[in-house]
């Protein structure tokens, strides 16, 4: 799989963290996230290329639409109470994206464990 993903064509691009939110709602958060904006076209092309390669390897295509975001964390059921504001102010943090990684997620009782399997630089 690592070899196939290494053939994805893309170029470096800029993204900005621009919103903070919670799934499904702030009143009952399960996932805390930040939205990203910037060169959405380049990000969408990268996502499409990765998905095409994964489908060729036998994985199912994602049926939901692509919503660029970064997951900050998941809210654990064992927390007695989590008090969050109705919303947080938007932030503006930028990042140049020059590579993407293949990451394995292992769910464990103490929480997920992530391992980077490979890193793929984007062409200049």
N, C-alpha and C. Protein backbone atom coordinates (compact mmCIF):
# COMPACT_ATOMS: atom_id res chain seq x y z
N UNK A 1 0.83 -1.19 0.00
CA UNK A 1 0.00 0.00 0.00
C UNK A 1 0.87 1.25 0.00
N UNK A 2 2.00 1.18 0.70
CA UNK A 2 2.86 2.36 0.78
C UNK A 2 3.36 2.78 -0.59
N UNK A 3 3.70 1.81 -1.44
CA UNK A 3 4.19 2.12 -2.78
C UNK A 3 3.11 2.80 -3.60
N UNK A 4 1.87 2.31 -3.54
CA UNK A 4 0.78 2.87 -4.32
C UNK A 4 0.50 4.32 -3.90
N UNK A 5 0.51 4.60 -2.62
CA UNK A 5 0.23 5.96 -2.16
C UNK A 5 1.37 6.91 -2.52
N UNK A 6 2.57 6.38 -2.66
CA UNK A 6 3.70 7.21 -3.04
C UNK A 6 3.59 7.74 -4.45
N UNK A 7 2.73 7.16 -5.29
CA UNK A 7 2.56 7.61 -6.66
C UNK A 7 1.53 8.72 -6.83
N UNK A 8 0.92 9.15 -5.73
CA UNK A 8 -0.10 10.20 -5.82
C UNK A 8 0.58 11.52 -6.15
N UNK A 9 0.03 12.19 -7.16
CA UNK A 9 0.60 13.46 -7.60
C UNK A 9 -0.11 14.59 -6.86
N UNK A 10 0.67 15.49 -6.33
CA UNK A 10 0.13 16.66 -5.66
C UNK A 10 1.22 17.69 -5.51
N UNK A 11 0.85 18.86 -5.09
CA UNK A 11 1.82 19.93 -4.87
C UNK A 11 1.63 20.47 -3.47
N UNK A 12 2.67 21.03 -2.88
CA UNK A 12 2.50 21.65 -1.56
C UNK A 12 1.45 22.75 -1.61
N UNK A 13 0.76 22.95 -0.49
CA UNK A 13 -0.28 23.97 -0.43
C UNK A 13 -0.40 24.48 0.99
N UNK A 14 -1.11 25.59 1.14
CA UNK A 14 -1.30 26.21 2.45
C UNK A 14 -2.70 25.95 2.97
N UNK A 15 -2.78 25.65 4.26
CA UNK A 15 -4.07 25.49 4.94
C UNK A 15 -4.06 26.37 6.18
N UNK A 16 -5.25 26.76 6.60
CA UNK A 16 -5.41 27.58 7.79
C UNK A 16 -6.46 26.95 8.70
N UNK A 17 -6.17 26.89 9.96
CA UNK A 17 -7.16 26.47 10.96
C UNK A 17 -8.05 27.68 11.17
N UNK A 18 -9.37 27.49 10.97
CA UNK A 18 -10.21 28.68 11.01
C UNK A 18 -11.51 28.56 11.78
N UNK A 19 -11.77 27.43 12.40
CA UNK A 19 -13.01 27.29 13.16
C UNK A 19 -12.82 26.18 14.19
N UNK A 20 -13.53 26.28 15.28
CA UNK A 20 -13.50 25.25 16.32
C UNK A 20 -14.92 24.75 16.50
N UNK A 21 -15.08 23.45 16.65
CA UNK A 21 -16.42 22.91 16.81
C UNK A 21 -16.43 21.58 17.52
N UNK A 22 -17.62 21.01 17.62
CA UNK A 22 -17.81 19.72 18.28
C UNK A 22 -18.86 18.93 17.51
N UNK A 23 -18.63 17.62 17.41
CA UNK A 23 -19.63 16.72 16.84
C UNK A 23 -20.28 15.96 17.98
N UNK A 24 -21.55 15.70 18.07
CA UNK A 24 -22.53 16.23 17.13
C UNK A 24 -22.90 17.68 17.42
N UNK A 25 -22.82 18.12 18.68
CA UNK A 25 -23.13 19.51 19.04
C UNK A 25 -22.26 19.91 20.23
N UNK A 26 -22.20 21.22 20.51
CA UNK A 26 -21.48 21.68 21.70
C UNK A 26 -22.19 21.21 22.97
N UNK A 27 -23.49 21.07 22.92
CA UNK A 27 -24.23 20.64 24.11
C UNK A 27 -23.93 19.18 24.47
N UNK A 28 -23.65 18.37 23.47
CA UNK A 28 -23.34 16.95 23.69
C UNK A 28 -22.13 16.56 22.85
N UNK A 29 -20.96 17.10 23.18
CA UNK A 29 -19.79 16.84 22.34
C UNK A 29 -19.28 15.41 22.47
N UNK A 30 -18.95 14.81 21.35
CA UNK A 30 -18.29 13.50 21.32
C UNK A 30 -16.89 13.65 20.72
N UNK A 31 -16.76 14.62 19.79
CA UNK A 31 -15.49 14.87 19.12
C UNK A 31 -15.28 16.38 19.08
N UNK A 32 -14.07 16.82 19.44
CA UNK A 32 -13.70 18.23 19.31
C UNK A 32 -12.82 18.35 18.07
N UNK A 33 -13.09 19.36 17.24
CA UNK A 33 -12.38 19.50 15.98
C UNK A 33 -12.10 20.95 15.63
N UNK A 34 -11.18 21.14 14.68
CA UNK A 34 -10.96 22.46 14.08
C UNK A 34 -11.11 22.29 12.58
N UNK A 35 -11.77 23.25 11.96
CA UNK A 35 -11.94 23.24 10.52
C UNK A 35 -10.71 23.84 9.85
N UNK A 36 -10.52 23.50 8.60
CA UNK A 36 -9.40 24.06 7.84
C UNK A 36 -9.91 24.68 6.55
N UNK A 37 -9.21 25.71 6.13
CA UNK A 37 -9.52 26.36 4.86
C UNK A 37 -8.19 26.70 4.19
N UNK A 38 -8.25 27.34 3.08
CA UNK A 38 -7.04 27.69 2.33
C UNK A 38 -7.18 27.17 0.93
N UNK A 39 -6.16 26.48 0.45
CA UNK A 39 -6.17 25.94 -0.90
C UNK A 39 -6.96 24.63 -0.90
N UNK A 40 -8.27 24.78 -0.79
CA UNK A 40 -9.15 23.61 -0.73
C UNK A 40 -9.10 22.75 -1.97
N UNK A 41 -8.81 23.38 -3.12
CA UNK A 41 -8.73 22.61 -4.36
C UNK A 41 -7.59 21.61 -4.30
N UNK A 42 -6.42 22.05 -3.84
CA UNK A 42 -5.27 21.14 -3.73
C UNK A 42 -5.54 20.05 -2.71
N UNK A 43 -6.18 20.41 -1.58
CA UNK A 43 -6.50 19.41 -0.56
C UNK A 43 -7.51 18.40 -1.09
N UNK A 44 -8.52 18.87 -1.80
CA UNK A 44 -9.52 17.96 -2.36
C UNK A 44 -8.90 17.02 -3.40
N UNK A 45 -7.98 17.54 -4.23
CA UNK A 45 -7.31 16.68 -5.20
C UNK A 45 -6.47 15.61 -4.51
N UNK A 46 -5.80 15.98 -3.42
CA UNK A 46 -5.02 15.01 -2.66
C UNK A 46 -5.93 13.94 -2.07
N UNK A 47 -7.03 14.36 -1.46
CA UNK A 47 -7.98 13.42 -0.87
C UNK A 47 -8.53 12.48 -1.94
N UNK A 48 -8.86 13.03 -3.09
CA UNK A 48 -9.41 12.21 -4.19
C UNK A 48 -8.37 11.19 -4.66
N UNK A 49 -7.11 11.61 -4.80
CA UNK A 49 -6.05 10.71 -5.22
C UNK A 49 -5.83 9.58 -4.24
N UNK A 50 -5.84 9.90 -2.94
CA UNK A 50 -5.68 8.86 -1.91
C UNK A 50 -6.85 7.89 -1.97
N UNK A 51 -8.07 8.42 -2.07
CA UNK A 51 -9.24 7.53 -2.11
C UNK A 51 -9.21 6.64 -3.35
N UNK A 52 -8.84 7.17 -4.51
CA UNK A 52 -8.76 6.35 -5.72
C UNK A 52 -7.78 5.19 -5.55
N UNK A 53 -6.62 5.46 -4.96
CA UNK A 53 -5.63 4.41 -4.74
C UNK A 53 -6.16 3.36 -3.77
N UNK A 54 -6.83 3.80 -2.71
CA UNK A 54 -7.36 2.85 -1.73
C UNK A 54 -8.46 1.98 -2.33
N UNK A 55 -9.30 2.56 -3.18
CA UNK A 55 -10.34 1.77 -3.85
C UNK A 55 -9.70 0.71 -4.74
N UNK A 56 -8.63 1.07 -5.45
CA UNK A 56 -7.93 0.09 -6.30
C UNK A 56 -7.33 -1.04 -5.47
N UNK A 57 -7.03 -0.77 -4.20
CA UNK A 57 -6.48 -1.79 -3.31
C UNK A 57 -7.56 -2.63 -2.63
N UNK A 58 -8.85 -2.30 -2.91
CA UNK A 58 -9.93 -3.10 -2.36
C UNK A 58 -10.70 -2.47 -1.21
N UNK A 59 -10.33 -1.25 -0.82
CA UNK A 59 -11.08 -0.55 0.22
C UNK A 59 -12.33 0.10 -0.38
N UNK A 60 -13.36 0.25 0.43
CA UNK A 60 -14.58 0.92 -0.03
C UNK A 60 -14.36 2.42 -0.05
N UNK A 61 -14.96 3.08 -1.02
CA UNK A 61 -14.91 4.53 -1.09
C UNK A 61 -15.77 5.12 0.01
N UNK A 62 -15.34 6.23 0.56
CA UNK A 62 -16.11 6.93 1.59
C UNK A 62 -17.38 7.48 0.93
N UNK A 63 -18.52 7.20 1.55
CA UNK A 63 -19.80 7.65 0.99
C UNK A 63 -20.14 9.08 1.42
N UNK A 64 -19.62 9.49 2.57
CA UNK A 64 -19.89 10.85 3.04
C UNK A 64 -19.04 11.85 2.26
N UNK A 65 -19.53 13.06 2.16
CA UNK A 65 -18.76 14.10 1.51
C UNK A 65 -17.50 14.43 2.30
N UNK A 66 -16.49 14.94 1.62
CA UNK A 66 -15.22 15.28 2.25
C UNK A 66 -15.38 16.61 2.98
N UNK A 67 -15.14 16.60 4.29
CA UNK A 67 -15.21 17.80 5.13
C UNK A 67 -13.86 17.97 5.80
N UNK A 68 -13.02 18.88 5.27
CA UNK A 68 -11.67 19.02 5.84
C UNK A 68 -11.73 19.50 7.29
N UNK A 69 -11.10 18.75 8.19
CA UNK A 69 -11.02 19.13 9.59
C UNK A 69 -9.91 18.32 10.26
N UNK A 70 -9.50 18.78 11.42
CA UNK A 70 -8.54 18.05 12.24
C UNK A 70 -9.23 17.69 13.54
N UNK A 71 -9.22 16.44 13.90
CA UNK A 71 -9.81 16.02 15.16
C UNK A 71 -8.82 16.33 16.29
N UNK A 72 -9.28 17.11 17.27
CA UNK A 72 -8.44 17.44 18.42
C UNK A 72 -8.50 16.36 19.48
N UNK A 73 -9.68 15.76 19.63
CA UNK A 73 -9.82 14.72 20.65
C UNK A 73 -11.25 14.23 20.72
N UNK A 74 -11.41 13.17 21.44
CA UNK A 74 -12.73 12.57 21.65
C UNK A 74 -13.10 12.70 23.11
N UNK A 75 -14.37 12.92 23.36
CA UNK A 75 -14.86 13.07 24.73
C UNK A 75 -15.15 11.67 25.27
N UNK A 76 -14.54 11.35 26.40
CA UNK A 76 -14.63 10.04 27.01
C UNK A 76 -15.88 9.96 27.88
N UNK A 77 -16.58 8.82 27.81
CA UNK A 77 -17.79 8.62 28.62
C UNK A 77 -17.50 8.66 30.11
N UNK A 78 -16.27 8.42 30.51
CA UNK A 78 -15.96 8.37 31.94
C UNK A 78 -15.83 9.76 32.56
N UNK A 79 -15.83 10.81 31.74
CA UNK A 79 -15.77 12.15 32.31
C UNK A 79 -17.09 12.45 33.03
N UNK A 80 -17.04 12.87 34.29
CA UNK A 80 -18.28 13.14 35.01
C UNK A 80 -19.03 14.33 34.41
N UNK A 81 -18.29 15.33 33.95
CA UNK A 81 -18.95 16.51 33.36
C UNK A 81 -17.89 17.28 32.58
N UNK A 82 -18.29 17.72 31.41
CA UNK A 82 -17.41 18.52 30.58
C UNK A 82 -18.14 19.82 30.28
N UNK A 83 -17.60 20.91 30.74
CA UNK A 83 -18.24 22.20 30.53
C UNK A 83 -17.50 22.90 29.39
N UNK A 84 -18.22 23.15 28.33
CA UNK A 84 -17.66 23.83 27.18
C UNK A 84 -18.50 25.06 26.86
N UNK A 85 -17.88 26.09 26.32
CA UNK A 85 -18.66 27.26 25.93
C UNK A 85 -19.57 26.92 24.75
N UNK A 86 -20.54 27.78 24.51
CA UNK A 86 -21.46 27.57 23.39
C UNK A 86 -20.72 27.63 22.07
N UNK A 87 -19.56 28.19 22.06
CA UNK A 87 -18.72 28.27 20.87
C UNK A 87 -17.41 28.91 21.28
N UNK A 88 -16.41 28.71 20.51
CA UNK A 88 -15.12 29.32 20.80
C UNK A 88 -14.80 30.30 19.69
N UNK A 89 -14.01 31.33 19.98
CA UNK A 89 -13.67 32.27 18.93
C UNK A 89 -12.87 31.59 17.83
N UNK A 90 -13.07 32.05 16.61
CA UNK A 90 -12.31 31.51 15.49
C UNK A 90 -10.84 31.88 15.66
N UNK A 91 -9.99 31.04 15.16
CA UNK A 91 -8.55 31.27 15.22
C UNK A 91 -8.01 31.27 13.80
N UNK A 92 -6.86 31.85 13.61
CA UNK A 92 -6.21 31.85 12.29
C UNK A 92 -4.78 31.38 12.45
N UNK A 93 -4.54 30.11 12.17
CA UNK A 93 -3.22 29.54 12.23
C UNK A 93 -2.96 28.88 10.88
N UNK A 94 -1.83 29.19 10.26
CA UNK A 94 -1.54 28.65 8.94
C UNK A 94 -0.47 27.58 8.99
N UNK A 95 -0.48 26.72 7.97
CA UNK A 95 0.51 25.65 7.87
C UNK A 95 0.72 25.31 6.41
N UNK A 96 1.96 25.18 6.01
CA UNK A 96 2.30 24.73 4.66
C UNK A 96 2.27 23.20 4.68
N UNK A 97 1.51 22.61 3.80
CA UNK A 97 1.41 21.15 3.70
C UNK A 97 2.33 20.71 2.58
N UNK A 98 3.39 20.01 2.92
CA UNK A 98 4.38 19.58 1.93
C UNK A 98 4.47 18.05 1.85
N UNK A 99 3.67 17.34 2.66
CA UNK A 99 3.70 15.88 2.66
C UNK A 99 2.42 15.38 3.32
N UNK A 100 2.13 14.10 3.12
CA UNK A 100 1.05 13.45 3.86
C UNK A 100 1.56 12.12 4.36
N UNK A 101 0.91 11.58 5.38
CA UNK A 101 1.37 10.35 6.02
C UNK A 101 0.29 9.28 6.03
N UNK A 102 0.72 8.04 6.01
CA UNK A 102 -0.15 6.89 6.23
C UNK A 102 -0.01 6.53 7.70
N UNK A 103 -1.12 6.56 8.43
CA UNK A 103 -1.08 6.36 9.88
C UNK A 103 -2.03 5.22 10.26
N UNK A 104 -1.53 4.32 11.08
CA UNK A 104 -2.37 3.23 11.61
C UNK A 104 -2.91 3.66 12.96
N UNK A 105 -4.19 3.40 13.17
CA UNK A 105 -4.84 3.71 14.43
C UNK A 105 -5.22 2.40 15.12
N UNK A 106 -4.68 2.18 16.31
CA UNK A 106 -5.02 1.00 17.10
C UNK A 106 -5.83 1.46 18.30
N UNK A 107 -7.08 0.99 18.39
CA UNK A 107 -7.92 1.35 19.52
C UNK A 107 -7.59 0.45 20.70
N UNK A 108 -7.25 1.09 21.81
CA UNK A 108 -6.88 0.37 23.02
C UNK A 108 -7.76 0.84 24.17
N UNK A 109 -7.87 0.06 25.26
CA UNK A 109 -8.70 0.48 26.40
C UNK A 109 -8.31 1.85 26.95
N UNK A 110 -7.01 2.17 26.93
CA UNK A 110 -6.57 3.47 27.46
C UNK A 110 -6.67 4.59 26.43
N UNK A 111 -7.11 4.27 25.23
CA UNK A 111 -7.27 5.27 24.18
C UNK A 111 -6.56 4.84 22.91
N UNK A 112 -6.81 5.55 21.81
CA UNK A 112 -6.20 5.17 20.55
C UNK A 112 -4.69 5.39 20.55
N UNK A 113 -3.99 4.55 19.81
CA UNK A 113 -2.55 4.68 19.64
C UNK A 113 -2.28 4.81 18.14
N UNK A 114 -1.53 5.84 17.74
CA UNK A 114 -1.29 6.11 16.34
C UNK A 114 0.18 5.83 15.99
N UNK A 115 0.38 5.16 14.84
CA UNK A 115 1.72 4.85 14.37
C UNK A 115 1.85 5.30 12.92
N UNK A 116 2.85 6.15 12.64
CA UNK A 116 3.10 6.56 11.26
C UNK A 116 3.79 5.41 10.54
N UNK A 117 3.17 4.95 9.45
CA UNK A 117 3.73 3.86 8.66
C UNK A 117 4.60 4.36 7.52
N UNK A 118 4.22 5.50 6.95
CA UNK A 118 4.99 6.05 5.84
C UNK A 118 4.66 7.54 5.69
N UNK A 119 5.60 8.27 5.11
CA UNK A 119 5.44 9.69 4.82
C UNK A 119 5.68 9.90 3.34
N UNK A 120 4.81 10.69 2.69
CA UNK A 120 4.89 10.92 1.26
C UNK A 120 5.02 12.41 0.98
N UNK A 121 6.18 12.86 0.50
CA UNK A 121 6.33 14.28 0.17
C UNK A 121 5.54 14.62 -1.08
N UNK A 122 5.04 15.85 -1.13
CA UNK A 122 4.34 16.35 -2.31
C UNK A 122 5.38 17.04 -3.20
N UNK A 123 5.22 16.88 -4.50
CA UNK A 123 6.20 17.45 -5.45
C UNK A 123 6.13 18.97 -5.43
N UNK A 124 7.25 19.60 -5.64
CA UNK A 124 7.31 21.07 -5.72
C UNK A 124 6.96 21.55 -7.09
